[in-house]
Amino acid sequence: MANGTIEIRGTAALVGKLKRSANMNDVKNIVRMNGADMHRRMVQKAPVDTSNLKRNIKIEIMNDGFTAKVSSQAEYAPYQEYGTRFQTGTPHVRPSYHEQRPIFLQDMKRIMK
């Protein structure tokens, strides 16, 4: 999506707890696996006409493995996600995020015990 951002607050406390409780490689693996799962979900949900939208959904692992960025990079992706005044949207980013989020949180809680 072109201008969408998600901000997570309280990361300093989370990082401190993770350093005490979990192996950092476990965290990186969870981020990578959940990022890959979200990428797969987005590709499955993307509307197909020429398959350009599906081919332009990319995953990028950043911040030394602590961030997975999955984005739909086709220039018309926001129109497919939200629609226009002429057509309704076919969301593929938001539903994928809302399905993957509880799985990610559950995985993080599991390693913090």
PDB file of N, CA and C in Angstrom:
ATOM      1  N   MET A   1       0.841  -1.165   0.000  1.00  0.00           N
ATOM      2  CA  MET A   1       0.000   0.000   0.000  1.00  0.00           C
ATOM      3  C   MET A   1       0.887   1.229   0.000  1.00  0.00           C
ATOM      4  N   ALA A   2       0.422   2.260  -0.576  1.00  0.00           N
ATOM      5  CA  ALA A   2       1.245   3.432  -0.791  1.00  0.00           C
ATOM      6  C   ALA A   2       1.556   4.188   0.498  1.00  0.00           C
ATOM      7  N   ASN A   3       0.561   4.560   1.280  1.00  0.00           N
ATOM      8  CA  ASN A   3       0.794   5.450   2.403  1.00  0.00           C
ATOM      9  C   ASN A   3       0.401   4.859   3.744  1.00  0.00           C
ATOM     10  N   GLY A   4       0.175   3.588   3.859  1.00  0.00           N
ATOM     11  CA  GLY A   4      -0.250   2.994   5.107  1.00  0.00           C
ATOM     12  C   GLY A   4       0.930   2.666   6.004  1.00  0.00           C
ATOM     13  N   THR A   5       0.829   3.016   7.285  1.00  0.00           N
ATOM     14  CA  THR A   5       1.865   2.667   8.246  1.00  0.00           C
ATOM     15  C   THR A   5       1.206   2.139   9.504  1.00  0.00           C
ATOM     16  N   ILE A   6       1.926   1.306  10.193  1.00  0.00           N
ATOM     17  CA  ILE A   6       1.474   0.777  11.474  1.00  0.00           C
ATOM     18  C   ILE A   6       2.556   1.100  12.483  1.00  0.00           C
ATOM     19  N   GLU A   7       2.175   1.736  13.570  1.00  0.00           N
ATOM     20  CA  GLU A   7       3.128   2.117  14.602  1.00  0.00           C
ATOM     21  C   GLU A   7       2.865   1.282  15.842  1.00  0.00           C
ATOM     22  N   ILE A   8       3.926   0.709  16.378  1.00  0.00           N
ATOM     23  CA  ILE A   8       3.811  -0.088  17.600  1.00  0.00           C
ATOM     24  C   ILE A   8       4.560   0.653  18.699  1.00  0.00           C
ATOM     25  N   ARG A   9       3.874   0.934  19.775  1.00  0.00           N
ATOM     26  CA  ARG A   9       4.473   1.665  20.890  1.00  0.00           C
ATOM     27  C   ARG A   9       4.831   0.692  22.000  1.00  0.00           C
ATOM     28  N   GLY A  10       5.805   1.059  22.801  1.00  0.00           N
ATOM     29  CA  GLY A  10       6.225   0.215  23.916  1.00  0.00           C
ATOM     30  C   GLY A  10       7.240  -0.832  23.517  1.00  0.00           C
ATOM     31  N   THR A  11       7.934  -0.593  22.422  1.00  0.00           N
ATOM     32  CA  THR A  11       8.893  -1.586  21.947  1.00  0.00           C
ATOM     33  C   THR A  11      10.093  -1.720  22.870  1.00  0.00           C
ATOM     34  N   ALA A  12      10.459  -0.668  23.586  1.00  0.00           N
ATOM     35  CA  ALA A  12      11.610  -0.748  24.496  1.00  0.00           C
ATOM     36  C   ALA A  12      11.343  -1.767  25.606  1.00  0.00           C
ATOM     37  N   ALA A  13      10.151  -1.721  26.179  1.00  0.00           N
ATOM     38  CA  ALA A  13       9.796  -2.689  27.220  1.00  0.00           C
ATOM     39  C   ALA A  13       9.740  -4.102  26.649  1.00  0.00           C
ATOM     40  N   LEU A  14       9.212  -4.226  25.428  1.00  0.00           N
ATOM     41  CA  LEU A  14       9.144  -5.532  24.795  1.00  0.00           C
ATOM     42  C   LEU A  14      10.534  -6.096  24.548  1.00  0.00           C
ATOM     43  N   VAL A  15      11.435  -5.274  24.035  1.00  0.00           N
ATOM     44  CA  VAL A  15      12.796  -5.736  23.765  1.00  0.00           C
ATOM     45  C   VAL A  15      13.479  -6.158  25.059  1.00  0.00           C
ATOM     46  N   GLY A  16      13.276  -5.393  26.131  1.00  0.00           N
ATOM     47  CA  GLY A  16      13.862  -5.771  27.421  1.00  0.00           C
ATOM     48  C   GLY A  16      13.353  -7.110  27.910  1.00  0.00           C
ATOM     49  N   LYS A  17      12.054  -7.324  27.813  1.00  0.00           N
ATOM     50  CA  LYS A  17      11.456  -8.599  28.222  1.00  0.00           C
ATOM     51  C   LYS A  17      11.957  -9.741  27.348  1.00  0.00           C
ATOM     52  N   LEU A  18      12.052  -9.492  26.047  1.00  0.00           N
ATOM     53  CA  LEU A  18      12.530 -10.533  25.136  1.00  0.00           C
ATOM     54  C   LEU A  18      13.978 -10.904  25.436  1.00  0.00           C
ATOM     55  N   LYS A  19      14.803  -9.922  25.754  1.00  0.00           N
ATOM     56  CA  LYS A  19      16.208 -10.218  26.060  1.00  0.00           C
ATOM     57  C   LYS A  19      16.322 -11.079  27.305  1.00  0.00           C
ATOM     58  N   ARG A  20      15.432 -10.873  28.258  1.00  0.00           N
ATOM     59  CA  ARG A  20      15.466 -11.679  29.476  1.00  0.00           C
ATOM     60  C   ARG A  20      14.858 -13.060  29.265  1.00  0.00           C
ATOM     61  N   SER A  21      13.865 -13.173  28.391  1.00  0.00           N
ATOM     62  CA  SER A  21      13.078 -14.399  28.307  1.00  0.00           C
ATOM     63  C   SER A  21      13.360 -15.275  27.096  1.00  0.00           C
ATOM     64  N   ALA A  22      13.711 -14.693  25.983  1.00  0.00           N
ATOM     65  CA  ALA A  22      13.741 -15.469  24.745  1.00  0.00           C
ATOM     66  C   ALA A  22      15.082 -15.336  24.046  1.00  0.00           C
ATOM     67  N   ASN A  23      15.372 -16.324  23.263  1.00  0.00           N
ATOM     68  CA  ASN A  23      16.536 -16.285  22.397  1.00  0.00           C
ATOM     69  C   ASN A  23      16.189 -15.390  21.212  1.00  0.00           C
ATOM     70  N   MET A  24      17.055 -14.456  20.892  1.00  0.00           N
ATOM     71  CA  MET A  24      16.773 -13.513  19.806  1.00  0.00           C
ATOM     72  C   MET A  24      16.618 -14.217  18.454  1.00  0.00           C
ATOM     73  N   ASN A  25      17.278 -15.334  18.281  1.00  0.00           N
ATOM     74  CA  ASN A  25      17.106 -16.082  17.034  1.00  0.00           C
ATOM     75  C   ASN A  25      15.694 -16.635  16.911  1.00  0.00           C
ATOM     76  N   ASP A  26      15.085 -16.986  18.049  1.00  0.00           N
ATOM     77  CA  ASP A  26      13.690 -17.437  18.031  1.00  0.00           C
ATOM     78  C   ASP A  26      12.768 -16.313  17.570  1.00  0.00           C
ATOM     79  N   VAL A  27      13.028 -15.104  18.045  1.00  0.00           N
ATOM     80  CA  VAL A  27      12.223 -13.957  17.649  1.00  0.00           C
ATOM     81  C   VAL A  27      12.364 -13.718  16.148  1.00  0.00           C
ATOM     82  N   LYS A  28      13.590 -13.750  15.658  1.00  0.00           N
ATOM     83  CA  LYS A  28      13.830 -13.535  14.225  1.00  0.00           C
ATOM     84  C   LYS A  28      13.126 -14.601  13.387  1.00  0.00           C
ATOM     85  N   ASN A  29      13.146 -15.846  13.854  1.00  0.00           N
ATOM     86  CA  ASN A  29      12.464 -16.919  13.126  1.00  0.00           C
ATOM     87  C   ASN A  29      10.956 -16.702  13.092  1.00  0.00           C
ATOM     88  N   ILE A  30      10.392 -16.253  14.211  1.00  0.00           N
ATOM     89  CA  ILE A  30       8.950 -15.995  14.257  1.00  0.00           C
ATOM     90  C   ILE A  30       8.589 -14.855  13.313  1.00  0.00           C
ATOM     91  N   VAL A  31       9.392 -13.801  13.314  1.00  0.00           N
ATOM     92  CA  VAL A  31       9.137 -12.670  12.416  1.00  0.00           C
ATOM     93  C   VAL A  31       9.211 -13.131  10.967  1.00  0.00           C
ATOM     94  N   ARG A  32      10.232 -13.898  10.638  1.00  0.00           N
ATOM     95  CA  ARG A  32      10.414 -14.367   9.261  1.00  0.00           C
ATOM     96  C   ARG A  32       9.273 -15.289   8.839  1.00  0.00           C
ATOM     97  N   MET A  33       8.904 -16.240   9.697  1.00  0.00           N
ATOM     98  CA  MET A  33       7.844 -17.194   9.349  1.00  0.00           C
ATOM     99  C   MET A  33       6.487 -16.501   9.220  1.00  0.00           C
ATOM    100  N   ASN A  34       6.172 -15.594  10.139  1.00  0.00           N
ATOM    101  CA  ASN A  34       4.893 -14.892  10.064  1.00  0.00           C
ATOM    102  C   ASN A  34       4.860 -13.944   8.879  1.00  0.00           C
ATOM    103  N   GLY A  35       5.990 -13.331   8.552  1.00  0.00           N
ATOM    104  CA  GLY A  35       6.065 -12.494   7.354  1.00  0.00           C
ATOM    105  C   GLY A  35       5.812 -13.313   6.101  1.00  0.00           C
ATOM    106  N   ALA A  36       6.412 -14.494   6.038  1.00  0.00           N
ATOM    107  CA  ALA A  36       6.216 -15.372   4.887  1.00  0.00           C
ATOM    108  C   ALA A  36       4.762 -15.842   4.801  1.00  0.00           C
ATOM    109  N   ASP A  37       4.152 -16.135   5.947  1.00  0.00           N
ATOM    110  CA  ASP A  37       2.741 -16.546   5.950  1.00  0.00           C
ATOM    111  C   ASP A  37       1.835 -15.412   5.489  1.00  0.00           C
ATOM    112  N   MET A  38       2.123 -14.187   5.928  1.00  0.00           N
ATOM    113  CA  MET A  38       1.310 -13.057   5.499  1.00  0.00           C
ATOM    114  C   MET A  38       1.491 -12.808   4.005  1.00  0.00           C
ATOM    115  N   HIS A  39       2.703 -12.963   3.510  1.00  0.00           N
ATOM    116  CA  HIS A  39       2.958 -12.822   2.070  1.00  0.00           C
ATOM    117  C   HIS A  39       2.115 -13.834   1.293  1.00  0.00           C
ATOM    118  N   ARG A  40       2.109 -15.066   1.754  1.00  0.00           N
ATOM    119  CA  ARG A  40       1.335 -16.114   1.091  1.00  0.00           C
ATOM    120  C   ARG A  40      -0.158 -15.786   1.113  1.00  0.00           C
ATOM    121  N   ARG A  41      -0.660 -15.316   2.243  1.00  0.00           N
ATOM    122  CA  ARG A  41      -2.076 -14.961   2.359  1.00  0.00           C
ATOM    123  C   ARG A  41      -2.438 -13.823   1.398  1.00  0.00           C
ATOM    124  N   MET A  42      -1.568 -12.812   1.331  1.00  0.00           N
ATOM    125  CA  MET A  42      -1.842 -11.677   0.442  1.00  0.00           C
ATOM    126  C   MET A  42      -1.879 -12.119  -1.014  1.00  0.00           C
ATOM    127  N   VAL A  43      -0.955 -12.986  -1.404  1.00  0.00           N
ATOM    128  CA  VAL A  43      -0.930 -13.468  -2.784  1.00  0.00           C
ATOM    129  C   VAL A  43      -2.197 -14.266  -3.086  1.00  0.00           C
ATOM    130  N   GLN A  44      -2.632 -15.088  -2.130  1.00  0.00           N
ATOM    131  CA  GLN A  44      -3.844 -15.886  -2.338  1.00  0.00           C
ATOM    132  C   GLN A  44      -5.088 -15.017  -2.463  1.00  0.00           C
ATOM    133  N   LYS A  45      -5.143 -13.915  -1.712  1.00  0.00           N
ATOM    134  CA  LYS A  45      -6.333 -13.075  -1.691  1.00  0.00           C
ATOM    135  C   LYS A  45      -6.338 -12.002  -2.784  1.00  0.00           C
ATOM    136  N   ALA A  46      -5.206 -11.762  -3.422  1.00  0.00           N
ATOM    137  CA  ALA A  46      -5.116 -10.710  -4.432  1.00  0.00           C
ATOM    138  C   ALA A  46      -6.004 -11.052  -5.627  1.00  0.00           C
ATOM    139  N   PRO A  47      -6.751 -10.063  -6.114  1.00  0.00           N
ATOM    140  CA  PRO A  47      -7.577 -10.307  -7.298  1.00  0.00           C
ATOM    141  C   PRO A  47      -6.691 -10.549  -8.521  1.00  0.00           C
ATOM    142  N   VAL A  48      -7.164 -11.398  -9.422  1.00  0.00           N
ATOM    143  CA  VAL A  48      -6.354 -11.779 -10.582  1.00  0.00           C
ATOM    144  C   VAL A  48      -7.025 -11.325 -11.865  1.00  0.00           C
ATOM    145  N   ASP A  49      -6.299 -10.551 -12.624  1.00  0.00           N
ATOM    146  CA  ASP A  49      -6.692 -10.236 -13.992  1.00  0.00           C
ATOM    147  C   ASP A  49      -5.503 -10.593 -14.878  1.00  0.00           C
ATOM    148  N   THR A  50      -4.393  -9.918 -14.629  1.00  0.00           N
ATOM    149  CA  THR A  50      -3.167 -10.210 -15.394  1.00  0.00           C
ATOM    150  C   THR A  50      -2.106 -10.845 -14.502  1.00  0.00           C
ATOM    151  N   SER A  51      -2.372 -11.045 -13.229  1.00  0.00           N
ATOM    152  CA  SER A  51      -1.442 -11.552 -12.218  1.00  0.00           C
ATOM    153  C   SER A  51      -0.342 -10.567 -11.872  1.00  0.00           C
ATOM    154  N   ASN A  52      -0.413  -9.349 -12.386  1.00  0.00           N
ATOM    155  CA  ASN A  52       0.591  -8.344 -12.058  1.00  0.00           C
ATOM    156  C   ASN A  52       0.566  -8.000 -10.573  1.00  0.00           C
ATOM    157  N   LEU A  53      -0.627  -7.884 -10.003  1.00  0.00           N
ATOM    158  CA  LEU A  53      -0.746  -7.551  -8.586  1.00  0.00           C
ATOM    159  C   LEU A  53      -0.088  -8.632  -7.731  1.00  0.00           C
ATOM    160  N   LYS A  54      -0.339  -9.896  -8.048  1.00  0.00           N
ATOM    161  CA  LYS A  54       0.261 -10.995  -7.290  1.00  0.00           C
ATOM    162  C   LYS A  54       1.784 -10.986  -7.393  1.00  0.00           C
ATOM    163  N   ARG A  55       2.299 -10.715  -8.584  1.00  0.00           N
ATOM    164  CA  ARG A  55       3.758 -10.693  -8.771  1.00  0.00           C
ATOM    165  C   ARG A  55       4.419  -9.535  -8.042  1.00  0.00           C
ATOM    166  N   ASN A  56       3.672  -8.481  -7.766  1.00  0.00           N
ATOM    167  CA  ASN A  56       4.240  -7.302  -7.125  1.00  0.00           C
ATOM    168  C   ASN A  56       4.011  -7.254  -5.622  1.00  0.00           C
ATOM    169  N   ILE A  57       3.606  -8.344  -5.029  1.00  0.00           N
ATOM    170  CA  ILE A  57       3.540  -8.430  -3.569  1.00  0.00           C
ATOM    171  C   ILE A  57       4.890  -8.971  -3.112  1.00  0.00           C
ATOM    172  N   LYS A  58       5.602  -8.157  -2.351  1.00  0.00           N
ATOM    173  CA  LYS A  58       6.981  -8.468  -1.975  1.00  0.00           C
ATOM    174  C   LYS A  58       7.120  -8.537  -0.466  1.00  0.00           C
ATOM    175  N   ILE A  59       8.084  -9.327  -0.015  1.00  0.00           N
ATOM    176  CA  ILE A  59       8.440  -9.385   1.398  1.00  0.00           C
ATOM    177  C   ILE A  59       9.884  -8.931   1.534  1.00  0.00           C
ATOM    178  N   GLU A  60      10.132  -8.137   2.562  1.00  0.00           N
ATOM    179  CA  GLU A  60      11.473  -7.640   2.839  1.00  0.00           C
ATOM    180  C   GLU A  60      11.745  -7.829   4.333  1.00  0.00           C
ATOM    181  N   ILE A  61      12.847  -8.484   4.653  1.00  0.00           N
ATOM    182  CA  ILE A  61      13.258  -8.662   6.045  1.00  0.00           C
ATOM    183  C   ILE A  61      14.242  -7.547   6.366  1.00  0.00           C
ATOM    184  N   MET A  62      13.959  -6.771   7.416  1.00  0.00           N
ATOM    185  CA  MET A  62      14.770  -5.600   7.754  1.00  0.00           C
ATOM    186  C   MET A  62      15.147  -5.623   9.235  1.00  0.00           C
ATOM    187  N   ASN A  63      15.895  -4.604   9.644  1.00  0.00           N
ATOM    188  CA  ASN A  63      16.288  -4.412  11.051  1.00  0.00           C
ATOM    189  C   ASN A  63      16.928  -5.664  11.635  1.00  0.00           C
ATOM    190  N   ASP A  64      17.865  -6.208  10.892  1.00  0.00           N
ATOM    191  CA  ASP A  64      18.619  -7.381  11.344  1.00  0.00           C
ATOM    192  C   ASP A  64      17.706  -8.572  11.648  1.00  0.00           C
ATOM    193  N   GLY A  65      16.590  -8.674  10.918  1.00  0.00           N
ATOM    194  CA  GLY A  65      15.694  -9.808  11.067  1.00  0.00           C
ATOM    195  C   GLY A  65      14.547  -9.592  12.024  1.00  0.00           C
ATOM    196  N   PHE A  66      14.435  -8.400  12.613  1.00  0.00           N
ATOM    197  CA  PHE A  66      13.367  -8.136  13.574  1.00  0.00           C
ATOM    198  C   PHE A  66      12.129  -7.502  12.940  1.00  0.00           C
ATOM    199  N   THR A  67      12.172  -7.225  11.650  1.00  0.00           N
ATOM    200  CA  THR A  67      11.037  -6.627  10.955  1.00  0.00           C
ATOM    201  C   THR A  67      10.818  -7.339   9.630  1.00  0.00           C
ATOM    202  N   ALA A  68       9.583  -7.689   9.365  1.00  0.00           N
ATOM    203  CA  ALA A  68       9.206  -8.235   8.062  1.00  0.00           C
ATOM    204  C   ALA A  68       8.204  -7.261   7.450  1.00  0.00           C
ATOM    205  N   LYS A  69       8.536  -6.747   6.281  1.00  0.00           N
ATOM    206  CA  LYS A  69       7.660  -5.808   5.589  1.00  0.00           C
ATOM    207  C   LYS A  69       7.092  -6.513   4.365  1.00  0.00           C
ATOM    208  N   VAL A  70       5.784  -6.654   4.335  1.00  0.00           N
ATOM    209  CA  VAL A  70       5.093  -7.253   3.193  1.00  0.00           C
ATOM    210  C   VAL A  70       4.264  -6.139   2.572  1.00  0.00           C
ATOM    211  N   SER A  71       4.501  -5.881   1.294  1.00  0.00           N
ATOM    212  CA  SER A  71       3.806  -4.767   0.659  1.00  0.00           C
ATOM    213  C   SER A  71       3.381  -5.135  -0.754  1.00  0.00           C
ATOM    214  N   SER A  72       2.298  -4.514  -1.150  1.00  0.00           N
ATOM    215  CA  SER A  72       1.786  -4.666  -2.497  1.00  0.00           C
ATOM    216  C   SER A  72       2.310  -3.477  -3.292  1.00  0.00           C
ATOM    217  N   GLN A  73       3.271  -3.711  -4.176  1.00  0.00           N
ATOM    218  CA  GLN A  73       4.002  -2.625  -4.815  1.00  0.00           C
ATOM    219  C   GLN A  73       3.477  -2.221  -6.188  1.00  0.00           C
ATOM    220  N   ALA A  74       2.438  -2.840  -6.676  1.00  0.00           N
ATOM    221  CA  ALA A  74       1.842  -2.397  -7.942  1.00  0.00           C
ATOM    222  C   ALA A  74       1.256  -1.007  -7.721  1.00  0.00           C
ATOM    223  N   GLU A  75       1.400  -0.136  -8.689  1.00  0.00           N
ATOM    224  CA  GLU A  75       0.962   1.246  -8.499  1.00  0.00           C
ATOM    225  C   GLU A  75      -0.551   1.362  -8.294  1.00  0.00           C
ATOM    226  N   TYR A  76      -1.308   0.387  -8.735  1.00  0.00           N
ATOM    227  CA  TYR A  76      -2.759   0.437  -8.569  1.00  0.00           C
ATOM    228  C   TYR A  76      -3.244  -0.379  -7.373  1.00  0.00           C
ATOM    229  N   ALA A  77      -2.340  -0.876  -6.553  1.00  0.00           N
ATOM    230  CA  ALA A  77      -2.722  -1.698  -5.400  1.00  0.00           C
ATOM    231  C   ALA A  77      -3.694  -0.992  -4.451  1.00  0.00           C
ATOM    232  N   PRO A  78      -3.504   0.290  -4.144  1.00  0.00           N
ATOM    233  CA  PRO A  78      -4.485   0.941  -3.251  1.00  0.00           C
ATOM    234  C   PRO A  78      -5.900   0.963  -3.823  1.00  0.00           C
ATOM    235  N   TYR A  79      -6.009   1.073  -5.145  1.00  0.00           N
ATOM    236  CA  TYR A  79      -7.338   1.075  -5.764  1.00  0.00           C
ATOM    237  C   TYR A  79      -7.991  -0.305  -5.630  1.00  0.00           C
ATOM    238  N   GLN A  80      -7.190  -1.348  -5.728  1.00  0.00           N
ATOM    239  CA  GLN A  80      -7.729  -2.697  -5.541  1.00  0.00           C
ATOM    240  C   GLN A  80      -8.115  -2.907  -4.082  1.00  0.00           C
ATOM    241  N   GLU A  81      -7.317  -2.382  -3.175  1.00  0.00           N
ATOM    242  CA  GLU A  81      -7.577  -2.571  -1.744  1.00  0.00           C
ATOM    243  C   GLU A  81      -8.812  -1.807  -1.280  1.00  0.00           C
ATOM    244  N   TYR A  82      -8.902  -0.539  -1.647  1.00  0.00           N
ATOM    245  CA  TYR A  82      -9.955   0.330  -1.124  1.00  0.00           C
ATOM    246  C   TYR A  82     -11.087   0.606  -2.103  1.00  0.00           C
ATOM    247  N   GLY A  83     -10.852   0.387  -3.379  1.00  0.00           N
ATOM    248  CA  GLY A  83     -11.866   0.674  -4.379  1.00  0.00           C
ATOM    249  C   GLY A  83     -11.783   2.113  -4.855  1.00  0.00           C
ATOM    250  N   THR A  84     -12.630   2.436  -5.805  1.00  0.00           N
ATOM    251  CA  THR A  84     -12.745   3.793  -6.330  1.00  0.00           C
ATOM    252  C   THR A  84     -14.216   4.154  -6.342  1.00  0.00           C
ATOM    253  N   ARG A  85     -14.521   5.301  -6.877  1.00  0.00           N
ATOM    254  CA  ARG A  85     -15.943   5.666  -6.954  1.00  0.00           C
ATOM    255  C   ARG A  85     -16.668   4.848  -8.017  1.00  0.00           C
ATOM    256  N   PHE A  86     -15.899   4.173  -8.882  1.00  0.00           N
ATOM    257  CA  PHE A  86     -16.487   3.385  -9.957  1.00  0.00           C
ATOM    258  C   PHE A  86     -16.559   1.895  -9.649  1.00  0.00           C
ATOM    259  N   GLN A  87     -15.742   1.428  -8.704  1.00  0.00           N
ATOM    260  CA  GLN A  87     -15.758  -0.003  -8.377  1.00  0.00           C
ATOM    261  C   GLN A  87     -15.457  -0.193  -6.901  1.00  0.00           C
ATOM    262  N   THR A  88     -16.014  -1.242  -6.350  1.00  0.00           N
ATOM    263  CA  THR A  88     -15.728  -1.557  -4.955  1.00  0.00           C
ATOM    264  C   THR A  88     -14.348  -2.200  -4.872  1.00  0.00           C
ATOM    265  N   GLY A  89     -13.734  -2.103  -3.728  1.00  0.00           N
ATOM    266  CA  GLY A  89     -12.416  -2.681  -3.533  1.00  0.00           C
ATOM    267  C   GLY A  89     -12.463  -4.186  -3.364  1.00  0.00           C
ATOM    268  N   THR A  90     -11.319  -4.801  -3.588  1.00  0.00           N
ATOM    269  CA  THR A  90     -11.133  -6.227  -3.316  1.00  0.00           C
ATOM    270  C   THR A  90      -9.968  -6.329  -2.342  1.00  0.00           C
ATOM    271  N   PRO A  91     -10.234  -6.145  -1.046  1.00  0.00           N
ATOM    272  CA  PRO A  91      -9.148  -6.108  -0.071  1.00  0.00           C
ATOM    273  C   PRO A  91      -8.343  -7.404  -0.050  1.00  0.00           C
ATOM    274  N   HIS A  92      -7.035  -7.250  -0.018  1.00  0.00           N
ATOM    275  CA  HIS A  92      -6.159  -8.400   0.112  1.00  0.00           C
ATOM    276  C   HIS A  92      -5.088  -8.151   1.166  1.00  0.00           C
ATOM    277  N   VAL A  93      -4.806  -6.893   1.489  1.00  0.00           N
ATOM    278  CA  VAL A  93      -3.791  -6.573   2.492  1.00  0.00           C
ATOM    279  C   VAL A  93      -4.392  -6.623   3.893  1.00  0.00           C
ATOM    280  N   ARG A  94      -5.453  -5.881   4.115  1.00  0.00           N
ATOM    281  CA  ARG A  94      -6.052  -5.816   5.451  1.00  0.00           C
ATOM    282  C   ARG A  94      -6.549  -7.167   5.955  1.00  0.00           C
ATOM    283  N   PRO A  95      -7.271  -7.954   5.142  1.00  0.00           N
ATOM    284  CA  PRO A  95      -7.708  -9.256   5.651  1.00  0.00           C
ATOM    285  C   PRO A  95      -6.524 -10.168   6.002  1.00  0.00           C
ATOM    286  N   SER A  96      -5.475 -10.100   5.210  1.00  0.00           N
ATOM    287  CA  SER A  96      -4.293 -10.923   5.494  1.00  0.00           C
ATOM    288  C   SER A  96      -3.656 -10.506   6.810  1.00  0.00           C
ATOM    289  N   TYR A  97      -3.555  -9.195   7.031  1.00  0.00           N
ATOM    290  CA  TYR A  97      -2.988  -8.688   8.282  1.00  0.00           C
ATOM    291  C   TYR A  97      -3.831  -9.129   9.478  1.00  0.00           C
ATOM    292  N   HIS A  98      -5.152  -8.986   9.367  1.00  0.00           N
ATOM    293  CA  HIS A  98      -6.025  -9.324  10.487  1.00  0.00           C
ATOM    294  C   HIS A  98      -6.056 -10.825  10.774  1.00  0.00           C
ATOM    295  N   GLU A  99      -5.784 -11.649   9.795  1.00  0.00           N
ATOM    296  CA  GLU A  99      -5.680 -13.091  10.022  1.00  0.00           C
ATOM    297  C   GLU A  99      -4.338 -13.458  10.648  1.00  0.00           C
ATOM    298  N   GLN A 100      -3.264 -12.791  10.231  1.00  0.00           N
ATOM    299  CA  GLN A 100      -1.925 -13.155  10.676  1.00  0.00           C
ATOM    300  C   GLN A 100      -1.586 -12.580  12.049  1.00  0.00           C
ATOM    301  N   ARG A 101      -2.147 -11.438  12.398  1.00  0.00           N
ATOM    302  CA  ARG A 101      -1.813 -10.756  13.646  1.00  0.00           C
ATOM    303  C   ARG A 101      -1.982 -11.638  14.883  1.00  0.00           C
ATOM    304  N   PRO A 102      -3.130 -12.297  15.089  1.00  0.00           N
ATOM    305  CA  PRO A 102      -3.258 -13.126  16.299  1.00  0.00           C
ATOM    306  C   PRO A 102      -2.293 -14.305  16.316  1.00  0.00           C
ATOM    307  N   ILE A 103      -1.953 -14.831  15.167  1.00  0.00           N
ATOM    308  CA  ILE A 103      -0.987 -15.933  15.100  1.00  0.00           C
ATOM    309  C   ILE A 103       0.385 -15.442  15.535  1.00  0.00           C
ATOM    310  N   PHE A 104       0.778 -14.261  15.046  1.00  0.00           N
ATOM    311  CA  PHE A 104       2.060 -13.677  15.426  1.00  0.00           C
ATOM    312  C   PHE A 104       2.110 -13.418  16.933  1.00  0.00           C
ATOM    313  N   LEU A 105       1.058 -12.814  17.470  1.00  0.00           N
ATOM    314  CA  LEU A 105       1.031 -12.529  18.909  1.00  0.00           C
ATOM    315  C   LEU A 105       1.091 -13.806  19.733  1.00  0.00           C
ATOM    316  N   GLN A 106       0.393 -14.836  19.305  1.00  0.00           N
ATOM    317  CA  GLN A 106       0.425 -16.115  20.013  1.00  0.00           C
ATOM    318  C   GLN A 106       1.833 -16.716  19.985  1.00  0.00           C
ATOM    319  N   ASP A 107       2.499 -16.650  18.838  1.00  0.00           N
ATOM    320  CA  ASP A 107       3.860 -17.155  18.726  1.00  0.00           C
ATOM    321  C   ASP A 107       4.813 -16.386  19.649  1.00  0.00           C
ATOM    322  N   MET A 108       4.660 -15.074  19.717  1.00  0.00           N
ATOM    323  CA  MET A 108       5.519 -14.267  20.581  1.00  0.00           C
ATOM    324  C   MET A 108       5.262 -14.569  22.057  1.00  0.00           C
ATOM    325  N   LYS A 109       4.004 -14.737  22.423  1.00  0.00           N
ATOM    326  CA  LYS A 109       3.680 -15.071  23.812  1.00  0.00           C
ATOM    327  C   LYS A 109       4.251 -16.425  24.202  1.00  0.00           C
ATOM    328  N   ARG A 110       4.218 -17.355  23.247  1.00  0.00           N
ATOM    329  CA  ARG A 110       4.730 -18.707  23.509  1.00  0.00           C
ATOM    330  C   ARG A 110       6.219 -18.678  23.858  1.00  0.00           C
ATOM    331  N   ILE A 111       7.015 -17.885  23.156  1.00  0.00           N
ATOM    332  CA  ILE A 111       8.455 -17.889  23.446  1.00  0.00           C
ATOM    333  C   ILE A 111       8.814 -17.040  24.651  1.00  0.00           C
ATOM    334  N   MET A 112       7.890 -16.189  25.107  1.00  0.00           N
ATOM    335  CA  MET A 112       8.185 -15.339  26.257  1.00  0.00           C
ATOM    336  C   MET A 112       7.880 -16.025  27.579  1.00  0.00           C
ATOM    337  N   LYS A 113       7.293 -17.201  27.551  1.00  0.00           N
ATOM    338  CA  LYS A 113       6.962 -17.896  28.808  1.00  0.00           C
ATOM    339  C   LYS A 113       8.185 -18.526  29.424  1.00  0.00           C
TER     340      LYS A 113
END
